């Protein structure tokens, strides 16, 4: 059964850091391009970072230099290290394949506020 389970969110002050994790119980995980998305209140879901099966990464301009995506294929897990967080990073963070192929998980809430 396909399952995406995100964790690691929370409340953090501006300038703080968080590390998100996503356990992806999906077939052929090792070769799939994976991504982190976020949905801010009242806005559409947007892609913030992606990683290929080979480990190549790409980022939205708004998070470049602050976020780092990585993966551990042995653990079927994708990570998002977030630093220098800003209030505009607030939202629910989800992982999925880069094409959004699988049923979305519940996500993990990230709130950046003083």
Protein backbone atom coordinates (compact mmCIF):
# COMPACT_ATOMS: atom_id res chain seq x y z
CA UNK A 1 0.00 0.00 0.00
CA UNK A 2 1.38 3.36 -1.04
CA UNK A 3 1.90 5.67 1.89
CA UNK A 4 3.62 9.00 2.40
CA UNK A 5 4.16 10.04 6.02
CA UNK A 6 5.64 13.44 6.76
CA UNK A 7 6.97 14.56 10.14
CA UNK A 8 9.23 17.10 11.80
CA UNK A 9 7.20 20.27 11.53
CA UNK A 10 6.53 22.69 14.34
CA UNK A 11 6.59 26.27 15.54
CA UNK A 12 9.89 28.06 15.08
CA UNK A 13 11.05 31.66 15.34
CA UNK A 14 12.29 33.54 12.27
CA UNK A 15 15.88 32.57 11.57
CA UNK A 16 15.39 29.14 13.08
CA UNK A 17 15.78 25.68 11.56
CA UNK A 18 13.75 22.52 11.15
CA UNK A 19 14.37 19.14 9.56
CA UNK A 20 11.45 17.43 7.91
CA UNK A 21 11.30 13.72 7.14
CA UNK A 22 9.10 11.75 4.77
CA UNK A 23 8.88 7.99 4.81
CA UNK A 24 7.70 6.95 1.38
CA UNK A 25 6.36 3.42 1.11
CA UNK A 26 6.30 3.43 -2.68
CA UNK A 27 7.42 0.97 -5.29
CA UNK A 28 10.71 1.70 -7.00
CA UNK A 29 11.50 4.47 -4.52
CA UNK A 30 15.21 4.29 -5.27
CA UNK A 31 14.76 5.39 -8.86
CA UNK A 32 11.99 7.94 -8.41
CA UNK A 33 12.44 11.67 -8.49
CA UNK A 34 11.00 12.93 -5.20
CA UNK A 35 9.99 16.38 -4.05
CA UNK A 36 8.84 18.49 -1.17
CA UNK A 37 5.85 20.76 -1.64
CA UNK A 38 4.21 23.32 0.59
CA UNK A 39 0.81 24.92 0.79
CA UNK A 40 0.50 28.25 2.52
CA UNK A 41 -2.86 29.41 3.87
CA UNK A 42 -5.10 30.51 1.02
CA UNK A 43 -2.57 29.55 -1.65
CA UNK A 44 -2.01 26.68 -4.03
CA UNK A 45 0.43 23.91 -3.29
CA UNK A 46 3.89 24.71 -4.69
CA UNK A 47 7.01 22.64 -5.27
CA UNK A 48 9.93 23.84 -3.15
CA UNK A 49 12.64 21.22 -3.69
CA UNK A 50 13.22 18.07 -5.71
CA UNK A 51 15.81 15.31 -5.86
CA UNK A 52 16.39 12.75 -8.58
CA UNK A 53 17.04 9.10 -7.98
CA UNK A 54 20.69 9.88 -8.62
CA UNK A 55 20.79 12.66 -6.06
CA UNK A 56 20.64 15.76 -8.25
CA UNK A 57 18.70 18.54 -6.57
CA UNK A 58 16.71 21.58 -7.59
CA UNK A 59 15.06 24.33 -5.58
CA UNK A 60 12.48 27.06 -5.90
CA UNK A 61 14.12 30.47 -6.00
CA UNK A 62 12.47 31.43 -2.74
CA UNK A 63 14.31 28.71 -0.78
CA UNK A 64 17.65 28.46 -2.59
CA UNK A 65 20.56 28.66 -0.21
CA UNK A 66 18.32 28.00 2.80
CA UNK A 67 16.76 24.56 2.21
CA UNK A 68 18.52 21.29 1.45
CA UNK A 69 16.76 18.18 0.18
CA UNK A 70 18.33 14.75 0.61
CA UNK A 71 17.34 11.11 0.59
CA UNK A 72 18.24 7.80 2.19
CA UNK A 73 17.15 5.08 -0.19
CA UNK A 74 17.80 2.31 2.34
CA UNK A 75 15.26 3.94 4.65
CA UNK A 76 12.80 4.98 1.92
CA UNK A 77 13.08 8.47 3.37
CA UNK A 78 13.37 11.98 1.96
CA UNK A 79 14.53 14.87 4.14
CA UNK A 80 14.22 18.64 3.96
CA UNK A 81 16.66 20.62 6.06
CA UNK A 82 15.34 24.15 6.44
CA UNK A 83 17.45 26.99 7.80
CA UNK A 84 17.08 30.77 8.10
CA UNK A 85 13.34 30.27 8.17
CA UNK A 86 11.08 33.19 7.34
CA UNK A 87 7.42 33.83 8.15
CA UNK A 88 6.59 33.28 4.48
CA UNK A 89 7.84 29.70 4.81
CA UNK A 90 4.78 28.96 6.95
CA UNK A 91 2.53 26.26 5.55
CA UNK A 92 1.82 22.56 5.39
CA UNK A 93 4.70 20.62 3.87
CA UNK A 94 4.15 17.47 1.84
CA UNK A 95 6.34 15.04 -0.01
CA UNK A 96 5.46 13.13 -3.16
CA UNK A 97 7.07 12.07 -6.38
CA UNK A 98 8.06 15.06 -8.49
CA UNK A 99 5.07 14.38 -10.72
CA UNK A 100 2.73 14.21 -7.74
CA UNK A 101 1.84 10.67 -8.70
CA UNK A 102 0.82 9.27 -5.35
CA UNK A 103 -1.99 9.98 -2.92
CA UNK A 104 -1.00 12.91 -0.75
CA UNK A 105 -0.22 12.33 2.89
CA UNK A 106 -1.42 14.51 5.74
CA UNK A 107 1.64 16.74 5.59
CA UNK A 108 3.41 18.41 8.46
CA UNK A 109 2.68 21.95 9.64
CA UNK A 110 5.51 24.47 9.73
CA UNK A 111 4.82 27.78 11.43
CA UNK A 112 7.45 30.51 11.46
CA UNK A 113 6.48 33.22 13.88
CA UNK A 114 7.88 35.26 16.72
